[in-house]
Every structure is written in structure tokens, then in C-alpha cells.
Amino acid sequence: MSWIVWIFFIIAAPIAALLVTPDSANFDIVQAVLAIILMTALIGLGAAWTAYRRRSVRP
């Protein structure tokens, strides 16, 4: 399970580098916040997709 979080941190690093310099003290915090936002967005999209598919399937 930790490798999933590690992948989100890898994705969040370049986005955080666009917002703050990697040398700043806040970089790790910004990267962690962005990783949490990405995880939440992915889970939300998965839940919305599941609800959409259940509604679109006709009995």
C-alpha cells in the first residue's frame, strides 16, 4: 500500500516544483498536500464513475 502513496508523491513533486522552489522549507509540505489532493480527487472520480455507471445501466 505504501507504493501507491509513493506514486502519488512522485506525481505531486513536479506540480509542487511549479508552485514553490524545491530548495524552500515548504516544499515537502506542499508536496504532501498536493499528494493528498490527488488521492482525494482519484477516489472521488472513482466513486462518481461507479455511481454514473449504475445509473446508466438499464435493467
PDB file of N, CA and C in Angstrom:
ATOM      1  N   MET A   1       0.817  -1.190   0.000  1.00  0.00           N
ATOM      2  CA  MET A   1       0.000   0.000   0.000  1.00  0.00           C
ATOM      3  C   MET A   1       0.862   1.256   0.000  1.00  0.00           C
ATOM      4  N   SER A   2       2.042   1.165   0.575  1.00  0.00           N
ATOM      5  CA  SER A   2       2.890   2.356   0.616  1.00  0.00           C
ATOM      6  C   SER A   2       3.396   2.736  -0.773  1.00  0.00           C
ATOM      7  N   TRP A   3       3.477   1.775  -1.675  1.00  0.00           N
ATOM      8  CA  TRP A   3       3.941   2.119  -3.018  1.00  0.00           C
ATOM      9  C   TRP A   3       2.918   2.968  -3.758  1.00  0.00           C
ATOM     10  N   ILE A   4       1.638   2.839  -3.402  1.00  0.00           N
ATOM     11  CA  ILE A   4       0.606   3.690  -4.009  1.00  0.00           C
ATOM     12  C   ILE A   4       0.809   5.134  -3.574  1.00  0.00           C
ATOM     13  N   VAL A   5       1.066   5.328  -2.286  1.00  0.00           N
ATOM     14  CA  VAL A   5       1.329   6.674  -1.773  1.00  0.00           C
ATOM     15  C   VAL A   5       2.600   7.230  -2.390  1.00  0.00           C
ATOM     16  N   TRP A   6       3.598   6.374  -2.563  1.00  0.00           N
ATOM     17  CA  TRP A   6       4.867   6.789  -3.161  1.00  0.00           C
ATOM     18  C   TRP A   6       4.655   7.280  -4.601  1.00  0.00           C
ATOM     19  N   ILE A   7       3.791   6.621  -5.344  1.00  0.00           N
ATOM     20  CA  ILE A   7       3.485   7.049  -6.714  1.00  0.00           C
ATOM     21  C   ILE A   7       2.819   8.419  -6.711  1.00  0.00           C
ATOM     22  N   PHE A   8       1.904   8.649  -5.774  1.00  0.00           N
ATOM     23  CA  PHE A   8       1.271   9.964  -5.683  1.00  0.00           C
ATOM     24  C   PHE A   8       2.282  11.048  -5.336  1.00  0.00           C
ATOM     25  N   PHE A   9       3.259  10.731  -4.491  1.00  0.00           N
ATOM     26  CA  PHE A   9       4.300  11.704  -4.179  1.00  0.00           C
ATOM     27  C   PHE A   9       5.172  11.992  -5.398  1.00  0.00           C
ATOM     28  N   ILE A  10       5.417  10.987  -6.221  1.00  0.00           N
ATOM     29  CA  ILE A  10       6.189  11.205  -7.450  1.00  0.00           C
ATOM     30  C   ILE A  10       5.417  12.104  -8.410  1.00  0.00           C
ATOM     31  N   ILE A  11       4.112  11.916  -8.500  1.00  0.00           N
ATOM     32  CA  ILE A  11       3.286  12.764  -9.371  1.00  0.00           C
ATOM     33  C   ILE A  11       3.189  14.177  -8.812  1.00  0.00           C
ATOM     34  N   ALA A  12       3.118  14.306  -7.481  1.00  0.00           N
ATOM     35  CA  ALA A  12       2.949  15.619  -6.857  1.00  0.00           C
ATOM     36  C   ALA A  12       4.228  16.450  -6.875  1.00  0.00           C
ATOM     37  N   ALA A  13       5.388  15.830  -6.979  1.00  0.00           N
ATOM     38  CA  ALA A  13       6.653  16.574  -6.917  1.00  0.00           C
ATOM     39  C   ALA A  13       6.804  17.607  -8.027  1.00  0.00           C
ATOM     40  N   PRO A  14       6.575  17.276  -9.301  1.00  0.00           N
ATOM     41  CA  PRO A  14       6.714  18.313 -10.334  1.00  0.00           C
ATOM     42  C   PRO A  14       5.674  19.419 -10.218  1.00  0.00           C
ATOM     43  N   ILE A  15       4.480  19.067  -9.754  1.00  0.00           N
ATOM     44  CA  ILE A  15       3.450  20.092  -9.574  1.00  0.00           C
ATOM     45  C   ILE A  15       3.853  21.033  -8.448  1.00  0.00           C
ATOM     46  N   ALA A  16       4.392  20.476  -7.373  1.00  0.00           N
ATOM     47  CA  ALA A  16       4.856  21.307  -6.260  1.00  0.00           C
ATOM     48  C   ALA A  16       6.033  22.170  -6.686  1.00  0.00           C
ATOM     49  N   ALA A  17       6.868  21.658  -7.574  1.00  0.00           N
ATOM     50  CA  ALA A  17       8.007  22.438  -8.060  1.00  0.00           C
ATOM     51  C   ALA A  17       7.551  23.633  -8.885  1.00  0.00           C
ATOM     52  N   LEU A  18       6.383  23.542  -9.495  1.00  0.00           N
ATOM     53  CA  LEU A  18       5.846  24.696 -10.215  1.00  0.00           C
ATOM     54  C   LEU A  18       5.365  25.782  -9.258  1.00  0.00           C
ATOM     55  N   LEU A  19       4.943  25.384  -8.061  1.00  0.00           N
ATOM     56  CA  LEU A  19       4.385  26.334  -7.106  1.00  0.00           C
ATOM     57  C   LEU A  19       5.441  26.941  -6.190  1.00  0.00           C
ATOM     58  N   VAL A  20       6.367  26.132  -5.703  1.00  0.00           N
ATOM     59  CA  VAL A  20       7.446  26.618  -4.833  1.00  0.00           C
ATOM     60  C   VAL A  20       8.759  26.010  -5.306  1.00  0.00           C
ATOM     61  N   THR A  21       9.855  26.645  -4.951  1.00  0.00           N
ATOM     62  CA  THR A  21      11.153  26.098  -5.346  1.00  0.00           C
ATOM     63  C   THR A  21      11.464  24.866  -4.503  1.00  0.00           C
ATOM     64  N   PRO A  22      12.091  23.869  -5.093  1.00  0.00           N
ATOM     65  CA  PRO A  22      12.420  22.659  -4.328  1.00  0.00           C
ATOM     66  C   PRO A  22      13.381  22.912  -3.166  1.00  0.00           C
ATOM     67  N   ASP A  23      14.088  24.034  -3.182  1.00  0.00           N
ATOM     68  CA  ASP A  23      15.011  24.347  -2.096  1.00  0.00           C
ATOM     69  C   ASP A  23      14.319  24.960  -0.889  1.00  0.00           C
ATOM     70  N   SER A  24      13.076  25.377  -1.031  1.00  0.00           N
ATOM     71  CA  SER A  24      12.395  26.049   0.079  1.00  0.00           C
ATOM     72  C   SER A  24      12.025  25.049   1.175  1.00  0.00           C
ATOM     73  N   ALA A  25      11.806  25.584   2.358  1.00  0.00           N
ATOM     74  CA  ALA A  25      11.471  24.731   3.500  1.00  0.00           C
ATOM     75  C   ALA A  25      10.062  24.157   3.379  1.00  0.00           C
ATOM     76  N   ASN A  26       9.198  24.796   2.619  1.00  0.00           N
ATOM     77  CA  ASN A  26       7.804  24.359   2.496  1.00  0.00           C
ATOM     78  C   ASN A  26       7.602  23.287   1.431  1.00  0.00           C
ATOM     79  N   PHE A  27       8.614  22.931   0.689  1.00  0.00           N
ATOM     80  CA  PHE A  27       8.424  22.043  -0.455  1.00  0.00           C
ATOM     81  C   PHE A  27       7.799  20.712  -0.042  1.00  0.00           C
ATOM     82  N   ASP A  28       8.288  20.117   1.035  1.00  0.00           N
ATOM     83  CA  ASP A  28       7.745  18.825   1.468  1.00  0.00           C
ATOM     84  C   ASP A  28       6.286  18.944   1.885  1.00  0.00           C
ATOM     85  N   ILE A  29       5.944  20.055   2.520  1.00  0.00           N
ATOM     86  CA  ILE A  29       4.557  20.260   2.949  1.00  0.00           C
ATOM     87  C   ILE A  29       3.648  20.440   1.742  1.00  0.00           C
ATOM     88  N   VAL A  30       4.082  21.252   0.787  1.00  0.00           N
ATOM     89  CA  VAL A  30       3.286  21.479  -0.422  1.00  0.00           C
ATOM     90  C   VAL A  30       3.142  20.179  -1.206  1.00  0.00           C
ATOM     91  N   GLN A  31       4.204  19.407  -1.281  1.00  0.00           N
ATOM     92  CA  GLN A  31       4.149  18.134  -1.988  1.00  0.00           C
ATOM     93  C   GLN A  31       3.173  17.177  -1.303  1.00  0.00           C
ATOM     94  N   ALA A  32       3.192  17.123   0.015  1.00  0.00           N
ATOM     95  CA  ALA A  32       2.278  16.239   0.744  1.00  0.00           C
ATOM     96  C   ALA A  32       0.827  16.673   0.561  1.00  0.00           C
ATOM     97  N   VAL A  33       0.575  17.978   0.618  1.00  0.00           N
ATOM     98  CA  VAL A  33      -0.791  18.474   0.432  1.00  0.00           C
ATOM     99  C   VAL A  33      -1.279  18.152  -0.979  1.00  0.00           C
ATOM    100  N   LEU A  34      -0.430  18.347  -1.964  1.00  0.00           N
ATOM    101  CA  LEU A  34      -0.821  18.030  -3.340  1.00  0.00           C
ATOM    102  C   LEU A  34      -1.059  16.532  -3.525  1.00  0.00           C
ATOM    103  N   ALA A  35      -0.255  15.702  -2.889  1.00  0.00           N
ATOM    104  CA  ALA A  35      -0.467  14.255  -2.978  1.00  0.00           C
ATOM    105  C   ALA A  35      -1.807  13.871  -2.361  1.00  0.00           C
ATOM    106  N   ILE A  36      -2.160  14.492  -1.239  1.00  0.00           N
ATOM    107  CA  ILE A  36      -3.455  14.213  -0.605  1.00  0.00           C
ATOM    108  C   ILE A  36      -4.598  14.673  -1.500  1.00  0.00           C
ATOM    109  N   ILE A  37      -4.442  15.843  -2.123  1.00  0.00           N
ATOM    110  CA  ILE A  37      -5.477  16.337  -3.037  1.00  0.00           C
ATOM    111  C   ILE A  37      -5.628  15.398  -4.234  1.00  0.00           C
ATOM    112  N   LEU A  38      -4.513  14.915  -4.771  1.00  0.00           N
ATOM    113  CA  LEU A  38      -4.581  13.980  -5.900  1.00  0.00           C
ATOM    114  C   LEU A  38      -5.254  12.670  -5.505  1.00  0.00           C
ATOM    115  N   MET A  39      -4.927  12.146  -4.320  1.00  0.00           N
ATOM    116  CA  MET A  39      -5.568  10.913  -3.850  1.00  0.00           C
ATOM    117  C   MET A  39      -7.068  11.111  -3.670  1.00  0.00           C
ATOM    118  N   THR A  40      -7.442  12.226  -3.067  1.00  0.00           N
ATOM    119  CA  THR A  40      -8.859  12.518  -2.852  1.00  0.00           C
ATOM    120  C   THR A  40      -9.593  12.664  -4.177  1.00  0.00           C
ATOM    121  N   ALA A  41      -8.964  13.331  -5.135  1.00  0.00           N
ATOM    122  CA  ALA A  41      -9.588  13.504  -6.446  1.00  0.00           C
ATOM    123  C   ALA A  41      -9.767  12.162  -7.149  1.00  0.00           C
ATOM    124  N   LEU A  42      -8.769  11.299  -7.064  1.00  0.00           N
ATOM    125  CA  LEU A  42      -8.878   9.993  -7.709  1.00  0.00           C
ATOM    126  C   LEU A  42      -9.978   9.146  -7.073  1.00  0.00           C
ATOM    127  N   ILE A  43     -10.057   9.157  -5.756  1.00  0.00           N
ATOM    128  CA  ILE A  43     -11.104   8.404  -5.069  1.00  0.00           C
ATOM    129  C   ILE A  43     -12.479   8.981  -5.403  1.00  0.00           C
ATOM    130  N   GLY A  44     -12.585  10.311  -5.446  1.00  0.00           N
ATOM    131  CA  GLY A  44     -13.855  10.951  -5.799  1.00  0.00           C
ATOM    132  C   GLY A  44     -14.282  10.637  -7.219  1.00  0.00           C
ATOM    133  N   LEU A  45     -13.327  10.656  -8.146  1.00  0.00           N
ATOM    134  CA  LEU A  45     -13.656  10.301  -9.527  1.00  0.00           C
ATOM    135  C   LEU A  45     -14.086   8.842  -9.642  1.00  0.00           C
ATOM    136  N   GLY A  46     -13.438   7.972  -8.888  1.00  0.00           N
ATOM    137  CA  GLY A  46     -13.835   6.567  -8.893  1.00  0.00           C
ATOM    138  C   GLY A  46     -15.239   6.367  -8.359  1.00  0.00           C
ATOM    139  N   ALA A  47     -15.576   7.074  -7.296  1.00  0.00           N
ATOM    140  CA  ALA A  47     -16.924   6.974  -6.730  1.00  0.00           C
ATOM    141  C   ALA A  47     -17.959   7.551  -7.686  1.00  0.00           C
ATOM    142  N   ALA A  48     -17.643   8.677  -8.306  1.00  0.00           N
ATOM    143  CA  ALA A  48     -18.576   9.286  -9.257  1.00  0.00           C
ATOM    144  C   ALA A  48     -18.762   8.390 -10.480  1.00  0.00           C
ATOM    145  N   TRP A  49     -17.684   7.779 -10.946  1.00  0.00           N
ATOM    146  CA  TRP A  49     -17.772   6.894 -12.104  1.00  0.00           C
ATOM    147  C   TRP A  49     -18.641   5.679 -11.791  1.00  0.00           C
ATOM    148  N   THR A  50     -18.488   5.128 -10.589  1.00  0.00           N
ATOM    149  CA  THR A  50     -19.301   3.985 -10.192  1.00  0.00           C
ATOM    150  C   THR A  50     -20.774   4.367 -10.126  1.00  0.00           C
ATOM    151  N   ALA A  51     -21.073   5.517  -9.545  1.00  0.00           N
ATOM    152  CA  ALA A  51     -22.466   5.973  -9.469  1.00  0.00           C
ATOM    153  C   ALA A  51     -23.024   6.239 -10.862  1.00  0.00           C
ATOM    154  N   TYR A  52     -22.217   6.803 -11.740  1.00  0.00           N
ATOM    155  CA  TYR A  52     -22.658   7.076 -13.111  1.00  0.00           C
ATOM    156  C   TYR A  52     -22.957   5.771 -13.854  1.00  0.00           C
ATOM    157  N   ARG A  53     -22.099   4.782 -13.701  1.00  0.00           N
ATOM    158  CA  ARG A  53     -22.312   3.511 -14.395  1.00  0.00           C
ATOM    159  C   ARG A  53     -23.546   2.795 -13.883  1.00  0.00           C
ATOM    160  N   ARG A  54     -23.818   2.898 -12.582  1.00  0.00           N
ATOM    161  CA  ARG A  54     -25.020   2.251 -12.042  1.00  0.00           C
ATOM    162  C   ARG A  54     -26.282   2.899 -12.572  1.00  0.00           C
ATOM    163  N   ARG A  55     -26.244   4.221 -12.748  1.00  0.00           N
ATOM    164  CA  ARG A  55     -27.424   4.917 -13.263  1.00  0.00           C
ATOM    165  C   ARG A  55     -27.628   4.681 -14.748  1.00  0.00           C
ATOM    166  N   SER A  56     -26.547   4.540 -15.495  1.00  0.00           N
ATOM    167  CA  SER A  56     -26.677   4.417 -16.942  1.00  0.00           C
ATOM    168  C   SER A  56     -27.032   2.999 -17.387  1.00  0.00           C
ATOM    169  N   VAL A  57     -26.848   2.014 -16.532  1.00  0.00           N
ATOM    170  CA  VAL A  57     -27.189   0.634 -16.884  1.00  0.00           C
ATOM    171  C   VAL A  57     -28.694   0.459 -16.740  1.00  0.00           C
ATOM    172  N   ARG A  58     -29.305  -0.004 -17.813  1.00  0.00           N
ATOM    173  CA  ARG A  58     -30.758  -0.205 -17.795  1.00  0.00           C
ATOM    174  C   ARG A  58     -31.061  -1.649 -17.430  1.00  0.00           C
ATOM    175  N   PRO A  59     -32.045  -1.856 -16.577  1.00  0.00           N
ATOM    176  CA  PRO A  59     -32.389  -3.242 -16.177  1.00  0.00           C
ATOM    177  C   PRO A  59     -33.076  -4.019 -17.272  1.00  0.00           C
TER     178      PRO A  59
END
